[in-house]
C-alpha atoms as a PDB file:
ATOM      1  CA  MET A   1    -115.407  21.601 -65.346  1.00  0.00           C
ATOM      2  CA  LYS A   2    -115.832  20.735 -61.725  1.00  0.00           C
ATOM      3  CA  LEU A   3    -114.831  17.141 -62.453  1.00  0.00           C
ATOM      4  CA  PHE A   4    -111.884  18.028 -64.717  1.00  0.00           C
ATOM      5  CA  PHE A   5    -109.556  19.673 -62.206  1.00  0.00           C
ATOM      6  CA  PRO A   6    -109.784  16.969 -59.608  1.00  0.00           C
ATOM      7  CA  ALA A   7    -109.100  14.429 -62.279  1.00  0.00           C
ATOM      8  CA  ILE A   8    -106.012  16.300 -63.429  1.00  0.00           C
ATOM      9  CA  PHE A   9    -104.815  16.621 -59.799  1.00  0.00           C
ATOM     10  CA  ALA A  10    -105.286  12.952 -59.202  1.00  0.00           C
ATOM     11  CA  ALA A  11    -103.412  12.131 -62.384  1.00  0.00           C
ATOM     12  CA  LEU A  12    -100.480  14.261 -61.298  1.00  0.00           C
ATOM     13  CA  ILE A  13    -100.322  12.504 -57.883  1.00  0.00           C
ATOM     14  CA  ILE A  14    -100.366   9.097 -59.546  1.00  0.00           C
ATOM     15  CA  ALA A  15     -97.579  10.125 -61.922  1.00  0.00           C
ATOM     16  CA  GLY A  16     -95.429  11.381 -59.047  1.00  0.00           C
ATOM     17  CA  ASN A  17     -95.786   8.123 -57.208  1.00  0.00           C
ATOM     18  CA  VAL A  18     -94.843   6.197 -60.305  1.00  0.00           C
ATOM     19  CA  LEU A  19     -91.679   8.260 -60.688  1.00  0.00           C
ATOM     20  CA  THR A  20     -90.783   7.710 -57.018  1.00  0.00           C
ATOM     21  CA  ILE A  21     -91.299   3.964 -57.327  1.00  0.00           C
ATOM     22  CA  SER A  22     -89.156   3.787 -60.466  1.00  0.00           C
ATOM     23  CA  SER A  23     -86.306   5.655 -58.848  1.00  0.00           C
ATOM     24  CA  CYS A  24     -86.358   3.279 -55.885  1.00  0.00           C
ATOM     25  CA  ALA A  25     -86.429   0.302 -58.187  1.00  0.00           C
ATOM     26  CA  GLY A  26     -83.335   1.513 -60.088  1.00  0.00           C
ATOM     27  CA  THR A  27     -79.660   1.000 -59.204  1.00  0.00           C
ATOM     28  CA  PRO A  28     -79.439   0.372 -55.428  1.00  0.00           C
ATOM     29  CA  ALA A  29     -77.615   2.938 -53.376  1.00  0.00           C
ATOM     30  CA  GLN A  30     -74.017   1.853 -52.667  1.00  0.00           C
ATOM     31  CA  GLU A  31     -72.984   1.012 -49.095  1.00  0.00           C
ATOM     32  CA  PRO A  32     -70.294   3.269 -47.635  1.00  0.00           C
ATOM     33  CA  GLU A  33     -66.795   1.894 -47.867  1.00  0.00           C
ATOM     34  CA  SER A  34     -65.887  -0.171 -44.835  1.00  0.00           C
ATOM     35  CA  VAL A  35     -63.169   1.191 -42.536  1.00  0.00           C
ATOM     36  CA  PRO A  36     -60.488  -1.458 -42.035  1.00  0.00           C
ATOM     37  CA  ALA A  37     -60.228  -2.665 -38.448  1.00  0.00           C
ATOM     38  CA  LEU A  38     -56.962  -2.098 -36.528  1.00  0.00           C
ATOM     39  CA  ALA A  39     -54.747  -5.114 -36.568  1.00  0.00           C
ATOM     40  CA  VAL A  40     -54.681  -6.548 -33.050  1.00  0.00           C
ATOM     41  CA  PRO A  41     -52.308  -9.380 -32.228  1.00  0.00           C
ATOM     42  CA  GLU A  42     -54.077 -12.562 -31.372  1.00  0.00           C
ATOM     43  CA  THR A  43     -52.200 -12.736 -28.104  1.00  0.00           C
ATOM     44  CA  SER A  44     -53.161  -9.205 -27.051  1.00  0.00           C
ATOM     45  CA  PRO A  45     -56.145  -9.293 -24.759  1.00  0.00           C
ATOM     46  CA  ALA A  46     -58.984  -6.967 -25.403  1.00  0.00           C
ATOM     47  CA  VAL A  47     -58.711  -3.836 -23.328  1.00  0.00           C
ATOM     48  CA  SER A  48     -61.867  -2.426 -21.967  1.00  0.00           C
ATOM     49  CA  PRO A  49     -62.283   1.341 -21.746  1.00  0.00           C
ATOM     50  CA  VAL A  50     -62.256   1.096 -17.953  1.00  0.00           C
ATOM     51  CA  THR A  51     -59.044  -0.900 -17.898  1.00  0.00           C
ATOM     52  CA  GLU A  52     -57.416   1.441 -20.399  1.00  0.00           C
ATOM     53  CA  SER A  53     -58.271   4.468 -18.339  1.00  0.00           C
ATOM     54  CA  ARG A  54     -56.844   2.809 -15.207  1.00  0.00           C
ATOM     55  CA  SER A  55     -53.640   1.902 -17.009  1.00  0.00           C
ATOM     56  CA  LYS A  56     -53.074   5.532 -17.853  1.00  0.00           C
ATOM     57  CA  GLN A  57     -53.252   6.458 -14.202  1.00  0.00           C
ATOM     58  CA  ARG A  58     -49.907   6.871 -12.406  1.00  0.00           C
ATOM     59  CA  VAL A  59     -49.291   3.846 -10.277  1.00  0.00           C
ATOM     60  CA  PRO A  60     -47.227   4.680  -7.170  1.00  0.00           C
ATOM     61  CA  LYS A  61     -44.007   2.697  -6.832  1.00  0.00           C
ATOM     62  CA  GLN A  62     -44.068   0.064  -4.171  1.00  0.00           C
ATOM     63  CA  LYS A  63     -41.439   0.410  -1.479  1.00  0.00           C
ATOM     64  CA  VAL A  64     -39.109  -2.540  -1.624  1.00  0.00           C
ATOM     65  CA  PRO A  65     -38.287  -3.730   1.874  1.00  0.00           C
ATOM     66  CA  GLU A  66     -34.649  -3.241   2.752  1.00  0.00           C
ATOM     67  CA  GLN A  67     -32.775  -6.485   2.860  1.00  0.00           C
ATOM     68  CA  LYS A  68     -30.628  -6.972   5.891  1.00  0.00           C
ATOM     69  CA  ILE A  69     -27.320  -8.583   5.162  1.00  0.00           C
ATOM     70  CA  PRO A  70     -26.600 -11.201   7.790  1.00  0.00           C
ATOM     71  CA  GLU A  71     -23.538 -10.477   9.800  1.00  0.00           C
ATOM     72  CA  GLN A  72     -20.643 -12.702   9.046  1.00  0.00           C
ATOM     73  CA  GLY A  73     -19.505 -14.849  11.908  1.00  0.00           C
ATOM     74  CA  VAL A  74     -16.479 -13.231  13.438  1.00  0.00           C
ATOM     75  CA  PRO A  75     -14.324 -15.619  15.377  1.00  0.00           C
ATOM     76  CA  GLU A  76     -13.560 -14.578  18.907  1.00  0.00           C
ATOM     77  CA  ARG A  77     -10.080 -13.337  19.613  1.00  0.00           C
ATOM     78  CA  LEU A  78      -7.886 -16.042  21.030  1.00  0.00           C
ATOM     79  CA  GLY A  79      -7.163 -15.653  24.682  1.00  0.00           C
ATOM     80  CA  PRO A  80      -3.652 -16.157  26.026  1.00  0.00           C
ATOM     81  CA  PRO A  81      -2.911 -19.386  27.872  1.00  0.00           C
ATOM     82  CA  ASP A  82      -2.235 -19.701  31.566  1.00  0.00           C
ATOM     83  CA  THR A  83      -1.084 -23.308  31.465  1.00  0.00           C
ATOM     84  CA  ILE A  84       2.531 -24.356  31.286  1.00  0.00           C
ATOM     85  CA  MET A  85       2.034 -27.575  29.369  1.00  0.00           C
ATOM     86  CA  GLY A  86       0.410 -27.591  25.929  1.00  0.00           C
ATOM     87  CA  LYS A  87       1.038 -26.490  22.386  1.00  0.00           C
ATOM     88  CA  GLY A  88       1.986 -22.908  21.617  1.00  0.00           C
ATOM     89  CA  LEU A  89       0.010 -21.092  18.919  1.00  0.00           C
ATOM     90  CA  VAL A  90       2.251 -18.153  18.038  1.00  0.00           C
ATOM     91  CA  PRO A  91       4.493 -18.884  15.018  1.00  0.00           C
ATOM     92  CA  GLN A  92       8.245 -18.443  15.323  1.00  0.00           C
ATOM     93  CA  GLU A  93       8.206 -15.400  13.028  1.00  0.00           C
ATOM     94  CA  GLN A  94       5.657 -13.649  15.234  1.00  0.00           C
ATOM     95  CA  LEU A  95       7.633 -14.402  18.373  1.00  0.00           C
ATOM     96  CA  SER A  96      10.648 -12.707  16.798  1.00  0.00           C
ATOM     97  CA  ALA A  97       8.642  -9.725  15.549  1.00  0.00           C
ATOM     98  CA  PHE A  98       7.035  -9.238  18.951  1.00  0.00           C
ATOM     99  CA  LEU A  99      10.368  -9.136  20.767  1.00  0.00           C
ATOM    100  CA  LEU A 100      11.913  -6.821  18.184  1.00  0.00           C
ATOM    101  CA  GLN A 101       8.951  -4.469  18.472  1.00  0.00           C
ATOM    102  CA  SER A 102       9.607  -4.236  22.206  1.00  0.00           C
ATOM    103  CA  ASN A 103      13.389  -3.979  21.788  1.00  0.00           C
ATOM    104  CA  ALA A 104      14.371  -2.590  18.413  1.00  0.00           C
ATOM    105  CA  GLY A 105      18.023  -2.679  19.417  1.00  0.00           C
ATOM    106  CA  ALA A 106      18.153  -6.464  19.770  1.00  0.00           C
ATOM    107  CA  ASP A 107      20.166  -8.437  17.220  1.00  0.00           C
ATOM    108  CA  ASN A 108      17.731  -9.592  14.538  1.00  0.00           C
ATOM    109  CA  GLY A 109      19.525 -12.836  13.701  1.00  0.00           C
ATOM    110  CA  PHE A 110      19.934 -13.818  17.337  1.00  0.00           C
ATOM    111  CA  VAL A 111      16.269 -13.148  18.066  1.00  0.00           C
ATOM    112  CA  ARG A 112      15.170 -15.378  15.188  1.00  0.00           C
ATOM    113  CA  SER A 113      17.443 -18.193  16.362  1.00  0.00           C
ATOM    114  CA  LEU A 114      16.289 -17.830  19.968  1.00  0.00           C
ATOM    115  CA  SER A 115      12.601 -17.965  19.046  1.00  0.00           C
ATOM    116  CA  THR A 116      13.283 -21.097  16.978  1.00  0.00           C
ATOM    117  CA  TYR A 117      14.958 -22.765  19.972  1.00  0.00           C
ATOM    118  CA  TYR A 118      11.937 -22.007  22.145  1.00  0.00           C
ATOM    119  CA  VAL A 119       9.511 -23.517  19.640  1.00  0.00           C
ATOM    120  CA  GLU A 120      11.610 -26.665  19.149  1.00  0.00           C
ATOM    121  CA  GLU A 121      12.701 -27.281  22.758  1.00  0.00           C
ATOM    122  CA  ALA A 122       9.217 -26.652  24.131  1.00  0.00           C
ATOM    123  CA  ALA A 123       7.680 -29.072  21.616  1.00  0.00           C
ATOM    124  CA  ALA A 124      10.177 -31.754  22.650  1.00  0.00           C
ATOM    125  CA  GLU A 125       8.910 -31.622  26.260  1.00  0.00           C
ATOM    126  CA  GLY A 126       5.250 -30.780  25.623  1.00  0.00           C
ATOM    127  CA  VAL A 127       5.584 -27.294  27.111  1.00  0.00           C
ATOM    128  CA  ASN A 128       3.646 -24.334  25.699  1.00  0.00           C
ATOM    129  CA  HIS A 129       6.265 -22.241  23.900  1.00  0.00           C
ATOM    130  CA  ASP A 130       4.094 -19.119  24.125  1.00  0.00           C
ATOM    131  CA  THR A 131       4.218 -19.279  27.920  1.00  0.00           C
ATOM    132  CA  ALA A 132       7.953 -20.019  28.032  1.00  0.00           C
ATOM    133  CA  PHE A 133       8.785 -17.230  25.568  1.00  0.00           C
ATOM    134  CA  ALA A 134       6.736 -14.695  27.532  1.00  0.00           C
ATOM    135  CA  GLN A 135       8.550 -15.666  30.730  1.00  0.00           C
ATOM    136  CA  MET A 136      11.894 -15.244  28.971  1.00  0.00           C
ATOM    137  CA  CYS A 137      10.872 -11.730  27.880  1.00  0.00           C
ATOM    138  CA  LEU A 138      10.055 -10.859  31.477  1.00  0.00           C
ATOM    139  CA  GLU A 139      13.235 -12.362  32.962  1.00  0.00           C
ATOM    140  CA  THR A 140      15.603 -10.723  30.462  1.00  0.00           C
ATOM    141  CA  GLY A 141      13.724  -7.455  29.975  1.00  0.00           C
ATOM    142  CA  PHE A 142      13.217  -8.360  26.296  1.00  0.00           C
ATOM    143  CA  LEU A 143      16.957  -9.169  26.079  1.00  0.00           C
ATOM    144  CA  ARG A 144      17.992  -5.846  27.616  1.00  0.00           C
ATOM    145  CA  TYR A 145      19.081  -7.597  30.831  1.00  0.00           C
ATOM    146  CA  GLY A 146      20.446  -5.094  33.351  1.00  0.00           C
ATOM    147  CA  GLY A 147      20.108  -7.356  36.406  1.00  0.00           C
ATOM    148  CA  LEU A 148      22.189 -10.144  37.900  1.00  0.00           C
ATOM    149  CA  VAL A 149      22.209 -12.157  34.666  1.00  0.00           C
ATOM    150  CA  THR A 150      24.263 -10.994  31.671  1.00  0.00           C
ATOM    151  CA  PRO A 151      23.814 -11.917  27.969  1.00  0.00           C
ATOM    152  CA  ASP A 152      26.937 -14.085  27.833  1.00  0.00           C
ATOM    153  CA  MET A 153      25.494 -16.498  30.440  1.00  0.00           C
ATOM    154  CA  ASN A 154      22.779 -17.826  28.062  1.00  0.00           C
ATOM    155  CA  ASN A 155      20.513 -17.944  31.100  1.00  0.00           C
ATOM    156  CA  PHE A 156      17.097 -16.818  29.863  1.00  0.00           C
ATOM    157  CA  CYS A 157      15.009 -17.468  32.965  1.00  0.00           C
ATOM    158  CA  GLY A 158      17.165 -16.368  35.907  1.00  0.00           C
ATOM    159  CA  LEU A 159      18.083 -19.882  37.033  1.00  0.00           C
ATOM    160  CA  GLY A 160      20.087 -19.599  40.275  1.00  0.00           C
ATOM    161  CA  ALA A 161      20.060 -15.784  40.276  1.00  0.00           C
ATOM    162  CA  THR A 162      18.928 -15.246  43.852  1.00  0.00           C
ATOM    163  CA  GLY A 163      20.754 -12.136  44.987  1.00  0.00           C
ATOM    164  CA  PRO A 164      24.112 -10.400  45.348  1.00  0.00           C
ATOM    165  CA  GLY A 165      26.895 -12.889  44.829  1.00  0.00           C
ATOM    166  CA  GLN A 166      24.455 -15.350  43.257  1.00  0.00           C
ATOM    167  CA  HIS A 167      24.314 -14.293  39.634  1.00  0.00           C
ATOM    168  CA  GLY A 168      22.893 -17.596  38.434  1.00  0.00           C
ATOM    169  CA  HIS A 169      24.018 -20.402  36.175  1.00  0.00           C
ATOM    170  CA  SER A 170      25.753 -20.122  32.818  1.00  0.00           C
ATOM    171  CA  PHE A 171      25.236 -22.386  29.824  1.00  0.00           C
ATOM    172  CA  PRO A 172      27.592 -23.124  26.921  1.00  0.00           C
ATOM    173  CA  ASP A 173      25.220 -21.945  24.172  1.00  0.00           C
ATOM    174  CA  PRO A 174      21.761 -20.406  23.712  1.00  0.00           C
ATOM    175  CA  ARG A 175      20.003 -23.677  22.857  1.00  0.00           C
ATOM    176  CA  THR A 176      21.243 -25.345  26.038  1.00  0.00           C
ATOM    177  CA  GLY A 177      20.112 -22.339  28.038  1.00  0.00           C
ATOM    178  CA  VAL A 178      16.639 -22.562  26.461  1.00  0.00           C
ATOM    179  CA  ARG A 179      16.511 -26.315  27.161  1.00  0.00           C
ATOM    180  CA  ALA A 180      17.322 -25.739  30.839  1.00  0.00           C
ATOM    181  CA  HIS A 181      14.491 -23.181  31.018  1.00  0.00           C
ATOM    182  CA  ILE A 182      11.987 -25.568  29.407  1.00  0.00           C
ATOM    183  CA  GLN A 183      12.983 -28.427  31.718  1.00  0.00           C
ATOM    184  CA  HIS A 184      12.605 -26.254  34.809  1.00  0.00           C
ATOM    185  CA  LEU A 185       9.108 -25.186  33.683  1.00  0.00           C
ATOM    186  CA  LYS A 186       8.126 -28.782  33.037  1.00  0.00           C
ATOM    187  CA  ALA A 187       9.233 -29.742  36.544  1.00  0.00           C
ATOM    188  CA  TYR A 188       6.764 -27.211  37.978  1.00  0.00           C
ATOM    189  CA  ALA A 189       3.919 -28.253  35.692  1.00  0.00           C
ATOM    190  CA  THR A 190       3.932 -32.058  35.753  1.00  0.00           C
ATOM    191  CA  THR A 191       5.436 -35.217  37.176  1.00  0.00           C
ATOM    192  CA  GLU A 192       6.111 -36.602  33.705  1.00  0.00           C
ATOM    193  CA  PRO A 193       9.750 -37.454  32.988  1.00  0.00           C
ATOM    194  CA  LEU A 194      11.958 -35.434  30.671  1.00  0.00           C
ATOM    195  CA  ASN A 195      12.404 -36.472  27.060  1.00  0.00           C
ATOM    196  CA  ASN A 196      15.839 -34.879  26.566  1.00  0.00           C
ATOM    197  CA  ASP A 197      18.942 -35.307  28.697  1.00  0.00           C
ATOM    198  CA  LEU A 198      18.854 -33.233  31.855  1.00  0.00           C
ATOM    199  CA  VAL A 199      20.718 -29.912  31.624  1.00  0.00           C
ATOM    200  CA  ASP A 200      18.843 -27.979  34.332  1.00  0.00           C
ATOM    201  CA  PRO A 201      21.089 -27.839  37.432  1.00  0.00           C
ATOM    202  CA  ARG A 202      18.138 -26.908  39.668  1.00  0.00           C
ATOM    203  CA  TYR A 203      15.658 -29.487  38.393  1.00  0.00           C
ATOM    204  CA  ARG A 204      15.945 -31.601  41.566  1.00  0.00           C
ATOM    205  CA  TYR A 205      14.897 -28.703  43.802  1.00  0.00           C
ATOM    206  CA  VAL A 206      11.454 -28.337  42.263  1.00  0.00           C
ATOM    207  CA  LYS A 207       8.380 -30.010  43.733  1.00  0.00           C
ATOM    208  CA  GLN A 208       7.223 -31.618  40.522  1.00  0.00           C
ATOM    209  CA  GLY A 209       3.653 -30.959  39.422  1.00  0.00           C
ATOM    210  CA  SER A 210       3.157 -28.215  42.016  1.00  0.00           C
ATOM    211  CA  SER A 211       2.164 -25.524  39.498  1.00  0.00           C
ATOM    212  CA  PRO A 212       0.333 -26.607  36.321  1.00  0.00           C
ATOM    213  CA  THR A 213      -0.388 -22.920  35.557  1.00  0.00           C
ATOM    214  CA  ILE A 214       1.708 -19.772  35.612  1.00  0.00           C
ATOM    215  CA  TYR A 215      -0.151 -18.576  38.711  1.00  0.00           C
ATOM    216  CA  GLY A 216       1.775 -20.940  40.929  1.00  0.00           C
ATOM    217  CA  LEU A 217       5.104 -19.358  39.963  1.00  0.00           C
ATOM    218  CA  SER A 218       4.648 -16.279  42.150  1.00  0.00           C
ATOM    219  CA  GLY A 219       6.532 -16.790  45.407  1.00  0.00           C
ATOM    220  CA  THR A 220       8.145 -20.006  44.131  1.00  0.00           C
ATOM    221  CA  TRP A 221      10.039 -19.327  40.923  1.00  0.00           C
ATOM    222  CA  ALA A 222      10.376 -15.704  41.952  1.00  0.00           C
ATOM    223  CA  ALA A 223       9.741 -13.941  45.257  1.00  0.00           C
ATOM    224  CA  ASP A 224       7.687 -11.255  43.446  1.00  0.00           C
ATOM    225  CA  ARG A 225       4.003 -11.832  44.289  1.00  0.00           C
ATOM    226  CA  SER A 226       2.959 -10.217  40.993  1.00  0.00           C
ATOM    227  CA  TYR A 227       5.352 -12.369  38.983  1.00  0.00           C
ATOM    228  CA  SER A 228       2.578 -14.508  37.452  1.00  0.00           C
ATOM    229  CA  ASP A 229       0.499 -11.463  36.550  1.00  0.00           C
ATOM    230  CA  LYS A 230       3.479  -9.946  34.748  1.00  0.00           C
ATOM    231  CA  ILE A 231       3.896 -13.096  32.634  1.00  0.00           C
ATOM    232  CA  SER A 232       0.158 -13.051  31.908  1.00  0.00           C
ATOM    233  CA  GLY A 233       0.374  -9.406  30.821  1.00  0.00           C
ATOM    234  CA  ILE A 234       3.164 -10.169  28.342  1.00  0.00           C
ATOM    235  CA  LEU A 235       1.164 -13.130  27.004  1.00  0.00           C
ATOM    236  CA  GLN A 236      -1.821 -10.840  26.496  1.00  0.00           C
ATOM    237  CA  ARG A 237       0.302  -8.393  24.539  1.00  0.00           C
ATOM    238  CA  LEU A 238       1.790 -11.230  22.484  1.00  0.00           C
ATOM    239  CA  TYR A 239      -1.658 -12.519  21.493  1.00  0.00           C
ATOM    240  CA  GLU A 240      -2.975  -9.058  20.672  1.00  0.00           C
ATOM    241  CA  PHE A 241       0.082  -8.550  18.488  1.00  0.00           C
ATOM    242  CA  THR A 242      -0.344 -11.897  16.717  1.00  0.00           C
ATOM    243  CA  PHE A 243      -4.076 -12.593  16.401  1.00  0.00           C
END
């Protein structure tokens, strides 16, 4: 009996092992279903966890430097001339507008014609019409007159008007009066001969070429020592009005 129970126990152990071996040798256990991988575009680079975490961080905006717009070149304001000879720059229309601004009561049509005469007659002799026109405005008080010279004389620069009893010369029409003015100015400015027929009755009394600029007209053309400065002041106003 002592040998019987161990034998039975051993038999049971052997049988259990056989059953275990047979179950392992049966149908193999199935592998778990595979989880499909996320579709990643071929062109998308792999993102590491570190990079992904950094990308989620708020990146401060960079301050774009302010662009300075270069200043546009601004031409300098034209300065008025002081020479008698040369080419005037103020158009005829602006000459008329300037005079009418200073004397609104002047006849519009006459002012336009007069400014045209100054541009044309000055060009014929090479005189700066801006300078001549400014002198005319001074001499006539912007066509208000009120002195020795009267409007009917067509004397726009006080030729021969030297005092009581000497009211100056008269001319048959405005263009001739403008031509006499231009010729007298040219006599002061240069020794060059005239291009048009002489109409200035005082041309021969001028020392030719003695005053290339307006600053030689004080004490010669007029006794007033500030005469040249007054012409310069009107020229300054004319250029500020025009340019």
